[in-house]
Amino acid sequence: MIKTSSLIFVLLWGVLFKLERMSLRLLSIVLIMSFGVVMMVWGQNEPNDTNQIDDSIIETDINEDIGDTSSDNNLLYGEIIPDNTNSNIIKLIKRSNLNSKNLILIGSILVLLSACMSGLRWALTQIMLKKNKRTKNPILTMMYLSPSMFIILILIGCLVEGFKQFLNSPIWLELGILKTIILIIIPGLLAFFMTLSEFVLLQYASLLTLSIAGIFKELLTILISWLLFDDVLNFINLIGLVITLSDIIWYNMYRFEQNQKEQIVQDIELSDIRK
């Protein structure tokens, strides 16, 4: 759900760098679409009722079983619990829940930061494509950006995954050096063409249009999964699909009207020049 804020960040960066014109209608479109996307995924990641652990229930059950020190109760979440007590078990459960909440908070911050940086990346890329004489071509833009992207990714990869682990990976022996290199090159080529396609779209379309196209792709993925693969969608999800699709249509109508107005202004300016 947090990732749906990417649309708002795209609009924010677009307005900040004067790539988009803020209007009440455009702001309404973005907010409604973000709300619709939240409804589309509402409840999809919730665990099953049978897998949920209620702290109060666990604590009640433990208090009811005071004095039970069987071997089954000595192991919880992979940790050995002393035989003396239920209080240690309760503390362990609370500590585990606290750690989970901390991880959720850190993950939420990282996803929010990722959404913000994604909008900034698109905005800066579009500025390079439209306002820089040296990078008006998508290929030239990639040529200037690729070295820095490569250095950053290789450094992060070495720090996180480890260069020795990469060289000592079993895949080199299982598939052989040639097949492994081909296996590495193919995703690289796919990433290259995906990035090139993104830059071409940014050259001719607005930031918001590209972001909304991504939302439309997610909408189609959810819809096809529901129709063909029997994915479960609740009533809120279906309402979210309808709201999002309707809002995408509204956005296209808005862009069409804006383009028509700009075309009329250009025609008037040309006619004045000829006179």
C-alpha atoms as a PDB file:
ATOM      1  CA  MET A   1       0.000   0.000   0.000  1.00  0.00           C
ATOM      2  CA  ILE A   2       2.841   2.381   0.790  1.00  0.00           C
ATOM      3  CA  LYS A   3       4.125   1.974  -2.757  1.00  0.00           C
ATOM      4  CA  THR A   4       0.956   3.652  -4.055  1.00  0.00           C
ATOM      5  CA  SER A   5       2.437   6.932  -2.817  1.00  0.00           C
ATOM      6  CA  SER A   6       4.826   6.816  -5.813  1.00  0.00           C
ATOM      7  CA  LEU A   7       2.165   8.527  -7.934  1.00  0.00           C
ATOM      8  CA  ILE A   8       1.992  11.427  -5.479  1.00  0.00           C
ATOM      9  CA  PHE A   9       5.786  11.735  -5.428  1.00  0.00           C
ATOM     10  CA  VAL A  10       5.887  11.730  -9.239  1.00  0.00           C
ATOM     11  CA  LEU A  11       3.418  14.632  -9.300  1.00  0.00           C
ATOM     12  CA  LEU A  12       5.366  16.428  -6.560  1.00  0.00           C
ATOM     13  CA  TRP A  13       8.718  16.178  -8.370  1.00  0.00           C
ATOM     14  CA  GLY A  14       7.088  17.021 -11.700  1.00  0.00           C
ATOM     15  CA  VAL A  15       5.621  20.234 -10.299  1.00  0.00           C
ATOM     16  CA  LEU A  16       8.839  21.068  -8.428  1.00  0.00           C
ATOM     17  CA  PHE A  17      10.940  20.810 -11.615  1.00  0.00           C
ATOM     18  CA  LYS A  18       8.211  22.487 -13.713  1.00  0.00           C
ATOM     19  CA  LEU A  19       7.561  19.360 -15.764  1.00  0.00           C
ATOM     20  CA  GLU A  20       3.890  19.272 -14.746  1.00  0.00           C
ATOM     21  CA  ARG A  21       1.345  22.023 -14.243  1.00  0.00           C
ATOM     22  CA  MET A  22      -0.459  21.682 -10.951  1.00  0.00           C
ATOM     23  CA  SER A  23      -4.221  22.025 -11.097  1.00  0.00           C
ATOM     24  CA  LEU A  24      -7.058  21.021  -8.805  1.00  0.00           C
ATOM     25  CA  ARG A  25      -8.321  18.562 -11.406  1.00  0.00           C
ATOM     26  CA  LEU A  26      -4.939  16.863 -11.782  1.00  0.00           C
ATOM     27  CA  LEU A  27      -4.463  16.675  -8.011  1.00  0.00           C
ATOM     28  CA  SER A  28      -7.916  15.099  -7.669  1.00  0.00           C
ATOM     29  CA  ILE A  29      -7.060  12.509 -10.323  1.00  0.00           C
ATOM     30  CA  VAL A  30      -3.843  11.531  -8.523  1.00  0.00           C
ATOM     31  CA  LEU A  31      -5.431  11.305  -5.066  1.00  0.00           C
ATOM     32  CA  ILE A  32      -8.425   9.301  -6.290  1.00  0.00           C
ATOM     33  CA  MET A  33      -6.169   6.920  -8.212  1.00  0.00           C
ATOM     34  CA  SER A  34      -3.931   6.394  -5.172  1.00  0.00           C
ATOM     35  CA  PHE A  35      -7.021   5.638  -3.093  1.00  0.00           C
ATOM     36  CA  GLY A  36      -8.273   3.218  -5.759  1.00  0.00           C
ATOM     37  CA  VAL A  37      -4.947   1.355  -5.864  1.00  0.00           C
ATOM     38  CA  VAL A  38      -4.996   1.001  -2.058  1.00  0.00           C
ATOM     39  CA  MET A  39      -8.474  -0.535  -2.332  1.00  0.00           C
ATOM     40  CA  MET A  40      -7.257  -2.890  -5.099  1.00  0.00           C
ATOM     41  CA  VAL A  41      -4.721  -4.526  -2.785  1.00  0.00           C
ATOM     42  CA  TRP A  42      -6.642  -4.158   0.471  1.00  0.00           C
ATOM     43  CA  GLY A  43      -6.432  -7.355   2.533  1.00  0.00           C
ATOM     44  CA  GLN A  44      -4.382  -9.274  -0.038  1.00  0.00           C
ATOM     45  CA  ASN A  45      -1.326  -9.678   2.215  1.00  0.00           C
ATOM     46  CA  GLU A  46      -3.168 -10.499   5.417  1.00  0.00           C
ATOM     47  CA  PRO A  47      -2.339 -13.933   6.826  1.00  0.00           C
ATOM     48  CA  ASN A  48      -4.953 -16.639   7.173  1.00  0.00           C
ATOM     49  CA  ASP A  49      -6.964 -16.683  10.359  1.00  0.00           C
ATOM     50  CA  THR A  50      -5.463 -20.054  11.247  1.00  0.00           C
ATOM     51  CA  ASN A  51      -1.946 -18.627  11.093  1.00  0.00           C
ATOM     52  CA  GLN A  52      -2.592 -15.493  13.096  1.00  0.00           C
ATOM     53  CA  ILE A  53      -1.223 -15.350  16.630  1.00  0.00           C
ATOM     54  CA  ASP A  54      -3.108 -13.301  19.159  1.00  0.00           C
ATOM     55  CA  ASP A  55      -0.898 -12.312  22.070  1.00  0.00           C
ATOM     56  CA  SER A  56      -3.791 -12.145  24.507  1.00  0.00           C
ATOM     57  CA  ILE A  57      -4.960 -15.648  23.578  1.00  0.00           C
ATOM     58  CA  ILE A  58      -1.449 -17.074  23.900  1.00  0.00           C
ATOM     59  CA  GLU A  59      -0.944 -15.382  27.247  1.00  0.00           C
ATOM     60  CA  THR A  60      -4.311 -16.650  28.511  1.00  0.00           C
ATOM     61  CA  ASP A  61      -3.549 -20.198  27.403  1.00  0.00           C
ATOM     62  CA  ILE A  62      -0.162 -20.075  29.090  1.00  0.00           C
ATOM     63  CA  ASN A  63      -1.632 -18.800  32.356  1.00  0.00           C
ATOM     64  CA  GLU A  64      -4.179 -21.588  32.269  1.00  0.00           C
ATOM     65  CA  ASP A  65      -1.386 -24.147  31.835  1.00  0.00           C
ATOM     66  CA  ILE A  66       0.759 -23.049  34.780  1.00  0.00           C
ATOM     67  CA  GLY A  67       2.923 -25.853  35.976  1.00  0.00           C
ATOM     68  CA  ASP A  68       3.004 -27.591  32.596  1.00  0.00           C
ATOM     69  CA  THR A  69       6.679 -28.112  31.786  1.00  0.00           C
ATOM     70  CA  SER A  70       6.414 -30.750  29.076  1.00  0.00           C
ATOM     71  CA  SER A  71       8.980 -30.849  26.291  1.00  0.00           C
ATOM     72  CA  ASP A  72       6.466 -29.475  23.798  1.00  0.00           C
ATOM     73  CA  ASN A  73       6.272 -26.250  25.763  1.00  0.00           C
ATOM     74  CA  ASN A  74      10.042 -25.901  26.069  1.00  0.00           C
ATOM     75  CA  LEU A  75      10.530 -24.796  22.469  1.00  0.00           C
ATOM     76  CA  LEU A  76       8.994 -21.612  21.060  1.00  0.00           C
ATOM     77  CA  TYR A  77      10.003 -19.815  17.859  1.00  0.00           C
ATOM     78  CA  GLY A  78      13.140 -21.954  17.734  1.00  0.00           C
ATOM     79  CA  GLU A  79      14.364 -20.862  21.179  1.00  0.00           C
ATOM     80  CA  ILE A  80      14.706 -23.034  24.285  1.00  0.00           C
ATOM     81  CA  ILE A  81      12.474 -21.872  27.122  1.00  0.00           C
ATOM     82  CA  PRO A  82      13.413 -22.637  30.727  1.00  0.00           C
ATOM     83  CA  ASP A  83      11.148 -25.103  32.480  1.00  0.00           C
ATOM     84  CA  ASN A  84      10.463 -22.775  35.371  1.00  0.00           C
ATOM     85  CA  THR A  85       7.783 -20.609  33.689  1.00  0.00           C
ATOM     86  CA  ASN A  86       5.267 -19.029  31.639  1.00  0.00           C
ATOM     87  CA  SER A  87       6.573 -15.512  32.314  1.00  0.00           C
ATOM     88  CA  ASN A  88       9.652 -16.235  30.217  1.00  0.00           C
ATOM     89  CA  ILE A  89       7.414 -17.421  27.400  1.00  0.00           C
ATOM     90  CA  ILE A  90       5.336 -14.250  27.603  1.00  0.00           C
ATOM     91  CA  LYS A  91       8.479 -12.096  27.539  1.00  0.00           C
ATOM     92  CA  LEU A  92       9.755 -14.001  24.520  1.00  0.00           C
ATOM     93  CA  ILE A  93       6.493 -13.501  22.646  1.00  0.00           C
ATOM     94  CA  LYS A  94       6.469  -9.789  23.423  1.00  0.00           C
ATOM     95  CA  ARG A  95      10.103  -9.435  22.369  1.00  0.00           C
ATOM     96  CA  SER A  96       9.381 -11.291  19.122  1.00  0.00           C
ATOM     97  CA  ASN A  97       6.400  -9.045  18.384  1.00  0.00           C
ATOM     98  CA  LEU A  98       8.475  -5.941  19.129  1.00  0.00           C
ATOM     99  CA  ASN A  99      11.183  -7.089  16.710  1.00  0.00           C
ATOM    100  CA  SER A 100       8.543  -7.731  14.048  1.00  0.00           C
ATOM    101  CA  LYS A 101       7.098  -4.247  14.503  1.00  0.00           C
ATOM    102  CA  ASN A 102      10.568  -2.711  14.217  1.00  0.00           C
ATOM    103  CA  LEU A 103      11.212  -4.626  10.994  1.00  0.00           C
ATOM    104  CA  ILE A 104       7.843  -3.521   9.597  1.00  0.00           C
ATOM    105  CA  LEU A 105       8.651   0.112  10.435  1.00  0.00           C
ATOM    106  CA  ILE A 106      12.090  -0.093   8.784  1.00  0.00           C
ATOM    107  CA  GLY A 107      10.608  -1.802   5.721  1.00  0.00           C
ATOM    108  CA  SER A 108       7.867   0.822   5.431  1.00  0.00           C
ATOM    109  CA  ILE A 109      10.424   3.644   5.571  1.00  0.00           C
ATOM    110  CA  LEU A 110      12.550   1.957   2.898  1.00  0.00           C
ATOM    111  CA  VAL A 111       9.564   1.449   0.573  1.00  0.00           C
ATOM    112  CA  LEU A 112       8.476   5.072   1.072  1.00  0.00           C
ATOM    113  CA  LEU A 113      12.016   6.288   0.354  1.00  0.00           C
ATOM    114  CA  SER A 114      12.143   4.070  -2.733  1.00  0.00           C
ATOM    115  CA  ALA A 115       8.884   5.553  -4.050  1.00  0.00           C
ATOM    116  CA  CYS A 116      10.212   9.074  -3.472  1.00  0.00           C
ATOM    117  CA  MET A 117      13.544   8.369  -5.194  1.00  0.00           C
ATOM    118  CA  SER A 118      11.787   6.676  -8.126  1.00  0.00           C
ATOM    119  CA  GLY A 119       9.832   9.861  -8.845  1.00  0.00           C
ATOM    120  CA  LEU A 120      13.012  11.934  -8.539  1.00  0.00           C
ATOM    121  CA  ARG A 121      14.875   9.609 -10.933  1.00  0.00           C
ATOM    122  CA  TRP A 122      12.171   9.920 -13.578  1.00  0.00           C
ATOM    123  CA  ALA A 123      12.036  13.702 -13.196  1.00  0.00           C
ATOM    124  CA  LEU A 124      15.812  14.121 -13.553  1.00  0.00           C
ATOM    125  CA  THR A 125      15.898  11.715 -16.508  1.00  0.00           C
ATOM    126  CA  GLN A 126      13.196  13.682 -18.310  1.00  0.00           C
ATOM    127  CA  ILE A 127      15.098  16.922 -17.709  1.00  0.00           C
ATOM    128  CA  MET A 128      18.169  15.336 -19.303  1.00  0.00           C
ATOM    129  CA  LEU A 129      16.142  14.130 -22.288  1.00  0.00           C
ATOM    130  CA  LYS A 130      14.294  17.380 -22.929  1.00  0.00           C
ATOM    131  CA  LYS A 131      16.513  20.199 -21.699  1.00  0.00           C
ATOM    132  CA  ASN A 132      20.088  18.999 -22.190  1.00  0.00           C
ATOM    133  CA  LYS A 133      21.510  19.257 -25.716  1.00  0.00           C
ATOM    134  CA  ARG A 134      23.959  16.399 -25.178  1.00  0.00           C
ATOM    135  CA  THR A 135      21.396  13.888 -23.928  1.00  0.00           C
ATOM    136  CA  LYS A 136      18.348  14.455 -26.115  1.00  0.00           C
ATOM    137  CA  ASN A 137      18.706  10.938 -27.492  1.00  0.00           C
ATOM    138  CA  PRO A 138      17.820   8.006 -25.155  1.00  0.00           C
ATOM    139  CA  ILE A 139      20.938   6.090 -26.236  1.00  0.00           C
ATOM    140  CA  LEU A 140      23.162   9.075 -25.429  1.00  0.00           C
ATOM    141  CA  THR A 141      21.450   9.435 -22.066  1.00  0.00           C
ATOM    142  CA  MET A 142      22.166   5.804 -21.255  1.00  0.00           C
ATOM    143  CA  MET A 143      25.769   6.219 -22.387  1.00  0.00           C
ATOM    144  CA  TYR A 144      26.308   9.037 -19.872  1.00  0.00           C
ATOM    145  CA  LEU A 145      24.391   7.361 -17.042  1.00  0.00           C
ATOM    146  CA  SER A 146      25.575   3.760 -17.434  1.00  0.00           C
ATOM    147  CA  PRO A 147      29.117   4.170 -15.974  1.00  0.00           C
ATOM    148  CA  SER A 148      27.882   5.681 -12.707  1.00  0.00           C
ATOM    149  CA  MET A 149      25.019   3.166 -12.513  1.00  0.00           C
ATOM    150  CA  PHE A 150      27.480   0.295 -13.043  1.00  0.00           C
ATOM    151  CA  ILE A 151      29.895   1.509 -10.365  1.00  0.00           C
ATOM    152  CA  ILE A 152      27.147   2.011  -7.769  1.00  0.00           C
ATOM    153  CA  LEU A 153      25.541  -1.381  -8.447  1.00  0.00           C
ATOM    154  CA  ILE A 154      28.832  -3.296  -8.443  1.00  0.00           C
ATOM    155  CA  LEU A 155      29.880  -1.698  -5.138  1.00  0.00           C
ATOM    156  CA  ILE A 156      26.531  -2.449  -3.489  1.00  0.00           C
ATOM    157  CA  GLY A 157      26.613  -5.991  -4.878  1.00  0.00           C
ATOM    158  CA  CYS A 158      30.102  -6.624  -3.511  1.00  0.00           C
ATOM    159  CA  LEU A 159      29.209  -5.205  -0.096  1.00  0.00           C
ATOM    160  CA  VAL A 160      25.870  -6.990   0.295  1.00  0.00           C
ATOM    161  CA  GLU A 161      26.442 -10.295  -1.500  1.00  0.00           C
ATOM    162  CA  GLY A 162      30.230 -10.517  -1.475  1.00  0.00           C
ATOM    163  CA  PHE A 163      32.531 -10.918  -4.468  1.00  0.00           C
ATOM    164  CA  LYS A 164      34.068 -14.148  -3.119  1.00  0.00           C
ATOM    165  CA  GLN A 165      30.622 -15.705  -2.693  1.00  0.00           C
ATOM    166  CA  PHE A 166      29.877 -14.815  -6.310  1.00  0.00           C
ATOM    167  CA  LEU A 167      33.065 -16.476  -7.583  1.00  0.00           C
ATOM    168  CA  ASN A 168      32.608 -19.535  -5.339  1.00  0.00           C
ATOM    169  CA  SER A 169      28.928 -20.013  -6.217  1.00  0.00           C
ATOM    170  CA  PRO A 170      28.006 -23.649  -7.065  1.00  0.00           C
ATOM    171  CA  ILE A 171      26.329 -22.518 -10.305  1.00  0.00           C
ATOM    172  CA  TRP A 172      29.732 -22.189 -12.003  1.00  0.00           C
ATOM    173  CA  LEU A 173      30.294 -25.935 -11.551  1.00  0.00           C
ATOM    174  CA  GLU A 174      26.686 -26.997 -12.137  1.00  0.00           C
ATOM    175  CA  LEU A 175      26.135 -25.138 -15.438  1.00  0.00           C
ATOM    176  CA  GLY A 176      29.675 -24.404 -16.521  1.00  0.00           C
ATOM    177  CA  ILE A 177      31.372 -21.059 -17.119  1.00  0.00           C
ATOM    178  CA  LEU A 178      29.850 -20.399 -20.569  1.00  0.00           C
ATOM    179  CA  LYS A 179      26.231 -21.109 -19.582  1.00  0.00           C
ATOM    180  CA  THR A 180      26.585 -19.101 -16.385  1.00  0.00           C
ATOM    181  CA  ILE A 181      27.940 -16.091 -18.281  1.00  0.00           C
ATOM    182  CA  ILE A 182      25.055 -16.367 -20.774  1.00  0.00           C
ATOM    183  CA  LEU A 183      22.637 -16.599 -17.843  1.00  0.00           C
ATOM    184  CA  ILE A 184      24.092 -13.339 -16.486  1.00  0.00           C
ATOM    185  CA  ILE A 185      24.075 -11.559 -19.867  1.00  0.00           C
ATOM    186  CA  ILE A 186      20.430 -12.310 -20.771  1.00  0.00           C
ATOM    187  CA  PRO A 187      18.890 -10.437 -17.774  1.00  0.00           C
ATOM    188  CA  GLY A 188      21.365  -7.619 -18.490  1.00  0.00           C
ATOM    189  CA  LEU A 189      20.078  -7.322 -22.055  1.00  0.00           C
ATOM    190  CA  LEU A 190      16.475  -7.362 -20.849  1.00  0.00           C
ATOM    191  CA  ALA A 191      17.270  -4.628 -18.309  1.00  0.00           C
ATOM    192  CA  PHE A 192      18.989  -2.590 -21.044  1.00  0.00           C
ATOM    193  CA  PHE A 193      15.984  -2.697 -23.375  1.00  0.00           C
ATOM    194  CA  MET A 194      13.556  -2.020 -20.523  1.00  0.00           C
ATOM    195  CA  THR A 195      15.559   1.060 -19.509  1.00  0.00           C
ATOM    196  CA  LEU A 196      15.787   2.173 -23.137  1.00  0.00           C
ATOM    197  CA  SER A 197      12.004   1.829 -23.525  1.00  0.00           C
ATOM    198  CA  GLU A 198      11.495   3.830 -20.338  1.00  0.00           C
ATOM    199  CA  PHE A 199      13.745   6.632 -21.615  1.00  0.00           C
ATOM    200  CA  VAL A 200      11.953   6.720 -24.982  1.00  0.00           C
ATOM    201  CA  LEU A 201       8.601   7.036 -23.207  1.00  0.00           C
ATOM    202  CA  LEU A 202       9.954   9.774 -20.943  1.00  0.00           C
ATOM    203  CA  GLN A 203      11.136  11.658 -24.022  1.00  0.00           C
ATOM    204  CA  TYR A 204       7.625  11.924 -25.468  1.00  0.00           C
ATOM    205  CA  ALA A 205       5.245  11.423 -22.533  1.00  0.00           C
ATOM    206  CA  SER A 206       4.844  13.156 -19.202  1.00  0.00           C
ATOM    207  CA  LEU A 207       6.068  11.737 -15.909  1.00  0.00           C
ATOM    208  CA  LEU A 208       2.553  11.138 -14.695  1.00  0.00           C
ATOM    209  CA  THR A 209       1.544   9.315 -17.870  1.00  0.00           C
ATOM    210  CA  LEU A 210       4.375   6.808 -17.463  1.00  0.00           C
ATOM    211  CA  SER A 211       3.526   6.247 -13.811  1.00  0.00           C
ATOM    212  CA  ILE A 212      -0.168   5.748 -14.578  1.00  0.00           C
ATOM    213  CA  ALA A 213       0.754   3.305 -17.345  1.00  0.00           C
ATOM    214  CA  GLY A 214       2.513   1.247 -14.661  1.00  0.00           C
ATOM    215  CA  ILE A 215      -0.625   1.320 -12.511  1.00  0.00           C
ATOM    216  CA  PHE A 216      -2.701   0.183 -15.508  1.00  0.00           C
ATOM    217  CA  LYS A 217      -0.293  -2.748 -15.927  1.00  0.00           C
ATOM    218  CA  GLU A 218      -0.818  -3.717 -12.276  1.00  0.00           C
ATOM    219  CA  LEU A 219      -4.576  -3.416 -12.741  1.00  0.00           C
ATOM    220  CA  LEU A 220      -4.477  -5.785 -15.730  1.00  0.00           C
ATOM    221  CA  THR A 221      -2.270  -8.225 -13.786  1.00  0.00           C
ATOM    222  CA  ILE A 222      -4.743  -8.353 -10.890  1.00  0.00           C
ATOM    223  CA  LEU A 223      -7.741  -8.637 -13.223  1.00  0.00           C
ATOM    224  CA  ILE A 224      -6.241 -11.448 -15.333  1.00  0.00           C
ATOM    225  CA  SER A 225      -5.129 -13.310 -12.195  1.00  0.00           C
ATOM    226  CA  TRP A 226      -8.695 -13.101 -10.902  1.00  0.00           C
ATOM    227  CA  LEU A 227     -10.292 -14.244 -14.179  1.00  0.00           C
ATOM    228  CA  LEU A 228      -7.833 -16.952 -15.248  1.00  0.00           C
ATOM    229  CA  PHE A 229      -5.999 -18.146 -12.137  1.00  0.00           C
ATOM    230  CA  ASP A 230      -8.813 -17.964  -9.568  1.00  0.00           C
ATOM    231  CA  ASP A 231      -7.113 -15.377  -7.359  1.00  0.00           C
ATOM    232  CA  VAL A 232      -9.435 -14.249  -4.586  1.00  0.00           C
ATOM    233  CA  LEU A 233     -10.657 -10.636  -4.692  1.00  0.00           C
ATOM    234  CA  ASN A 234     -12.976  -9.243  -2.057  1.00  0.00           C
ATOM    235  CA  PHE A 235     -15.647  -6.598  -2.609  1.00  0.00           C
ATOM    236  CA  ILE A 236     -13.276  -3.757  -1.685  1.00  0.00           C
ATOM    237  CA  ASN A 237     -10.732  -4.981  -4.268  1.00  0.00           C
ATOM    238  CA  LEU A 238     -13.375  -4.993  -7.016  1.00  0.00           C
ATOM    239  CA  ILE A 239     -14.522  -1.476  -6.115  1.00  0.00           C
ATOM    240  CA  GLY A 240     -10.868  -0.387  -6.201  1.00  0.00           C
ATOM    241  CA  LEU A 241     -10.470  -1.857  -9.699  1.00  0.00           C
ATOM    242  CA  VAL A 242     -13.504   0.061 -10.943  1.00  0.00           C
ATOM    243  CA  ILE A 243     -12.361   3.335  -9.321  1.00  0.00           C
ATOM    244  CA  THR A 244      -8.819   3.011 -10.696  1.00  0.00           C
ATOM    245  CA  LEU A 245      -9.966   2.152 -14.221  1.00  0.00           C
ATOM    246  CA  SER A 246     -12.473   5.028 -14.234  1.00  0.00           C
ATOM    247  CA  ASP A 247      -9.803   7.415 -12.983  1.00  0.00           C
ATOM    248  CA  ILE A 248      -7.373   6.303 -15.715  1.00  0.00           C
ATOM    249  CA  ILE A 249     -10.059   7.099 -18.306  1.00  0.00           C
ATOM    250  CA  TRP A 250     -10.591  10.489 -16.659  1.00  0.00           C
ATOM    251  CA  TYR A 251      -6.846  11.172 -16.782  1.00  0.00           C
ATOM    252  CA  ASN A 252      -6.714  10.346 -20.506  1.00  0.00           C
ATOM    253  CA  MET A 253      -9.618  12.715 -21.161  1.00  0.00           C
ATOM    254  CA  TYR A 254      -7.786  15.400 -19.173  1.00  0.00           C
ATOM    255  CA  ARG A 255      -4.583  14.927 -21.197  1.00  0.00           C
ATOM    256  CA  PHE A 256      -6.525  14.965 -24.455  1.00  0.00           C
ATOM    257  CA  GLU A 257      -8.147  18.283 -23.536  1.00  0.00           C
ATOM    258  CA  GLN A 258      -4.772  19.730 -22.509  1.00  0.00           C
ATOM    259  CA  ASN A 259      -3.197  18.671 -25.809  1.00  0.00           C
ATOM    260  CA  GLN A 260      -6.087  20.174 -27.740  1.00  0.00           C
ATOM    261  CA  LYS A 261      -5.680  23.498 -25.944  1.00  0.00           C
ATOM    262  CA  GLU A 262      -1.918  23.516 -26.546  1.00  0.00           C
ATOM    263  CA  GLN A 263      -2.470  22.751 -30.225  1.00  0.00           C
ATOM    264  CA  ILE A 264      -4.920  25.657 -30.542  1.00  0.00           C
ATOM    265  CA  VAL A 265      -2.419  28.016 -28.892  1.00  0.00           C
ATOM    266  CA  GLN A 266       0.347  26.851 -31.254  1.00  0.00           C
ATOM    267  CA  ASP A 267      -1.903  27.351 -34.287  1.00  0.00           C
ATOM    268  CA  ILE A 268      -2.734  30.896 -33.176  1.00  0.00           C
ATOM    269  CA  GLU A 269       0.959  31.699 -32.662  1.00  0.00           C
ATOM    270  CA  LEU A 270       1.832  30.348 -36.115  1.00  0.00           C
ATOM    271  CA  SER A 271      -0.930  32.358 -37.741  1.00  0.00           C
ATOM    272  CA  ASP A 272       0.306  35.534 -36.006  1.00  0.00           C
ATOM    273  CA  ILE A 273       3.859  34.890 -37.250  1.00  0.00           C
ATOM    274  CA  ARG A 274       2.669  34.455 -40.835  1.00  0.00           C
ATOM    275  CA  LYS A 275       0.764  37.724 -40.682  1.00  0.00           C
END
